[in-house]
């Protein structure tokens, strides 16, 4: 992984990281858990949520239930997306 799209969000007093992943990652329990662990190392001590979009651009979130519920009411375009570049990645 040389980089990824994601965001750090502080919404209603909760700070968390969102990482964009392929839909296949959300469909595989093993890949989901692996991705959460990987991105948690990048985001640090804040909770990490995964997000994938379907072919129509509709987002699906995976992570802590309270954050996923919160994100269901947040328009995607209001999330401060950015591209993260990982140093030393092959």
C-alpha atoms as a PDB file:
ATOM      1  CA  UNK A   1       0.000   0.000   0.000  1.00  0.00           C
ATOM      2  CA  UNK A   2       1.675   3.242  -1.127  1.00  0.00           C
ATOM      3  CA  UNK A   3      -1.228   5.518  -0.282  1.00  0.00           C
ATOM      4  CA  UNK A   4      -4.947   5.674   0.281  1.00  0.00           C
ATOM      5  CA  UNK A   5      -7.888   8.049   0.369  1.00  0.00           C
ATOM      6  CA  UNK A   6      -9.362   8.770   3.738  1.00  0.00           C
ATOM      7  CA  UNK A   7     -10.298  11.385   6.289  1.00  0.00           C
ATOM      8  CA  UNK A   8     -10.018  12.286   9.932  1.00  0.00           C
ATOM      9  CA  UNK A   9     -13.394  13.500  11.131  1.00  0.00           C
ATOM     10  CA  UNK A  10     -14.540  15.177  14.324  1.00  0.00           C
ATOM     11  CA  UNK A  11     -18.326  15.048  14.333  1.00  0.00           C
ATOM     12  CA  UNK A  12     -20.587  15.571  17.327  1.00  0.00           C
ATOM     13  CA  UNK A  13     -17.592  15.286  19.662  1.00  0.00           C
ATOM     14  CA  UNK A  14     -16.361  11.987  18.211  1.00  0.00           C
ATOM     15  CA  UNK A  15     -13.027  11.900  16.342  1.00  0.00           C
ATOM     16  CA  UNK A  16     -12.373   8.970  14.016  1.00  0.00           C
ATOM     17  CA  UNK A  17     -10.538   7.987  10.840  1.00  0.00           C
ATOM     18  CA  UNK A  18     -12.160   6.756   7.641  1.00  0.00           C
ATOM     19  CA  UNK A  19     -10.220   4.726   5.060  1.00  0.00           C
ATOM     20  CA  UNK A  20     -11.553   4.033   1.572  1.00  0.00           C
ATOM     21  CA  UNK A  21     -11.279   0.364   0.580  1.00  0.00           C
ATOM     22  CA  UNK A  22     -12.498  -1.869  -2.254  1.00  0.00           C
ATOM     23  CA  UNK A  23     -15.987  -3.357  -1.784  1.00  0.00           C
ATOM     24  CA  UNK A  24     -14.421  -6.844  -1.706  1.00  0.00           C
ATOM     25  CA  UNK A  25     -12.628  -5.883   1.530  1.00  0.00           C
ATOM     26  CA  UNK A  26     -15.947  -5.176   3.264  1.00  0.00           C
ATOM     27  CA  UNK A  27     -17.317  -8.508   2.025  1.00  0.00           C
ATOM     28  CA  UNK A  28     -14.513 -10.523   3.642  1.00  0.00           C
ATOM     29  CA  UNK A  29     -14.404 -10.679   7.459  1.00  0.00           C
ATOM     30  CA  UNK A  30     -10.670 -11.504   7.406  1.00  0.00           C
ATOM     31  CA  UNK A  31      -9.802  -8.660   5.024  1.00  0.00           C
ATOM     32  CA  UNK A  32     -11.972  -6.229   7.019  1.00  0.00           C
ATOM     33  CA  UNK A  33     -10.167  -7.019  10.259  1.00  0.00           C
ATOM     34  CA  UNK A  34      -6.753  -6.849   8.546  1.00  0.00           C
ATOM     35  CA  UNK A  35      -7.614  -3.465   7.023  1.00  0.00           C
ATOM     36  CA  UNK A  36      -8.863  -2.090  10.355  1.00  0.00           C
ATOM     37  CA  UNK A  37      -5.565  -3.125  11.993  1.00  0.00           C
ATOM     38  CA  UNK A  38      -3.461  -1.609   9.181  1.00  0.00           C
ATOM     39  CA  UNK A  39      -5.303   1.699   9.100  1.00  0.00           C
ATOM     40  CA  UNK A  40      -5.423   1.897  12.911  1.00  0.00           C
ATOM     41  CA  UNK A  41      -1.625   2.023  12.867  1.00  0.00           C
ATOM     42  CA  UNK A  42      -1.862   5.068  10.590  1.00  0.00           C
ATOM     43  CA  UNK A  43      -4.702   6.877  12.365  1.00  0.00           C
ATOM     44  CA  UNK A  44      -3.330   6.147  15.839  1.00  0.00           C
ATOM     45  CA  UNK A  45      -5.542   5.921  18.891  1.00  0.00           C
ATOM     46  CA  UNK A  46      -8.770   7.128  17.228  1.00  0.00           C
ATOM     47  CA  UNK A  47     -11.324   4.569  16.009  1.00  0.00           C
ATOM     48  CA  UNK A  48     -11.025   3.494  12.361  1.00  0.00           C
ATOM     49  CA  UNK A  49     -13.942   3.012   9.979  1.00  0.00           C
ATOM     50  CA  UNK A  50     -13.744   1.487   6.509  1.00  0.00           C
ATOM     51  CA  UNK A  51     -15.752   2.863   3.587  1.00  0.00           C
ATOM     52  CA  UNK A  52     -16.438   1.337   0.178  1.00  0.00           C
ATOM     53  CA  UNK A  53     -18.696   2.566  -2.602  1.00  0.00           C
ATOM     54  CA  UNK A  54     -20.868   0.504  -4.893  1.00  0.00           C
ATOM     55  CA  UNK A  55     -21.054   1.057  -8.669  1.00  0.00           C
ATOM     56  CA  UNK A  56     -23.496   3.946  -8.154  1.00  0.00           C
ATOM     57  CA  UNK A  57     -21.220   5.644  -5.616  1.00  0.00           C
ATOM     58  CA  UNK A  58     -23.363   4.745  -2.601  1.00  0.00           C
ATOM     59  CA  UNK A  59     -21.117   4.372   0.463  1.00  0.00           C
ATOM     60  CA  UNK A  60     -21.120   1.447   2.890  1.00  0.00           C
ATOM     61  CA  UNK A  61     -19.284   1.869   6.190  1.00  0.00           C
ATOM     62  CA  UNK A  62     -17.830  -0.757   8.509  1.00  0.00           C
ATOM     63  CA  UNK A  63     -16.581  -0.150  12.017  1.00  0.00           C
ATOM     64  CA  UNK A  64     -17.830   0.912  15.404  1.00  0.00           C
ATOM     65  CA  UNK A  65     -21.635   0.848  15.307  1.00  0.00           C
ATOM     66  CA  UNK A  66     -22.155   4.324  16.797  1.00  0.00           C
ATOM     67  CA  UNK A  67     -19.823   5.856  14.186  1.00  0.00           C
ATOM     68  CA  UNK A  68     -21.365   3.894  11.301  1.00  0.00           C
ATOM     69  CA  UNK A  69     -24.819   5.060  12.463  1.00  0.00           C
ATOM     70  CA  UNK A  70     -23.559   8.645  12.656  1.00  0.00           C
ATOM     71  CA  UNK A  71     -22.066   8.464   9.150  1.00  0.00           C
ATOM     72  CA  UNK A  72     -25.361   7.276   7.690  1.00  0.00           C
ATOM     73  CA  UNK A  73     -26.664  10.844   8.164  1.00  0.00           C
ATOM     74  CA  UNK A  74     -23.518  12.672   6.957  1.00  0.00           C
ATOM     75  CA  UNK A  75     -23.322  13.584   3.247  1.00  0.00           C
ATOM     76  CA  UNK A  76     -20.146  12.132   1.710  1.00  0.00           C
ATOM     77  CA  UNK A  77     -19.224  15.475   0.193  1.00  0.00           C
ATOM     78  CA  UNK A  78     -19.056  17.061   3.653  1.00  0.00           C
ATOM     79  CA  UNK A  79     -16.307  14.635   4.746  1.00  0.00           C
ATOM     80  CA  UNK A  80     -12.809  16.190   4.445  1.00  0.00           C
ATOM     81  CA  UNK A  81     -11.356  13.539   2.096  1.00  0.00           C
ATOM     82  CA  UNK A  82      -7.661  13.610   1.296  1.00  0.00           C
ATOM     83  CA  UNK A  83      -5.032  11.332  -0.171  1.00  0.00           C
ATOM     84  CA  UNK A  84      -2.552   9.930   2.344  1.00  0.00           C
ATOM     85  CA  UNK A  85       0.887   8.989   1.058  1.00  0.00           C
ATOM     86  CA  UNK A  86       2.750   6.392   3.078  1.00  0.00           C
ATOM     87  CA  UNK A  87       6.474   6.903   3.507  1.00  0.00           C
ATOM     88  CA  UNK A  88       8.721   3.954   2.789  1.00  0.00           C
ATOM     89  CA  UNK A  89       5.996   1.944   1.097  1.00  0.00           C
ATOM     90  CA  UNK A  90       7.069  -0.296  -1.760  1.00  0.00           C
END
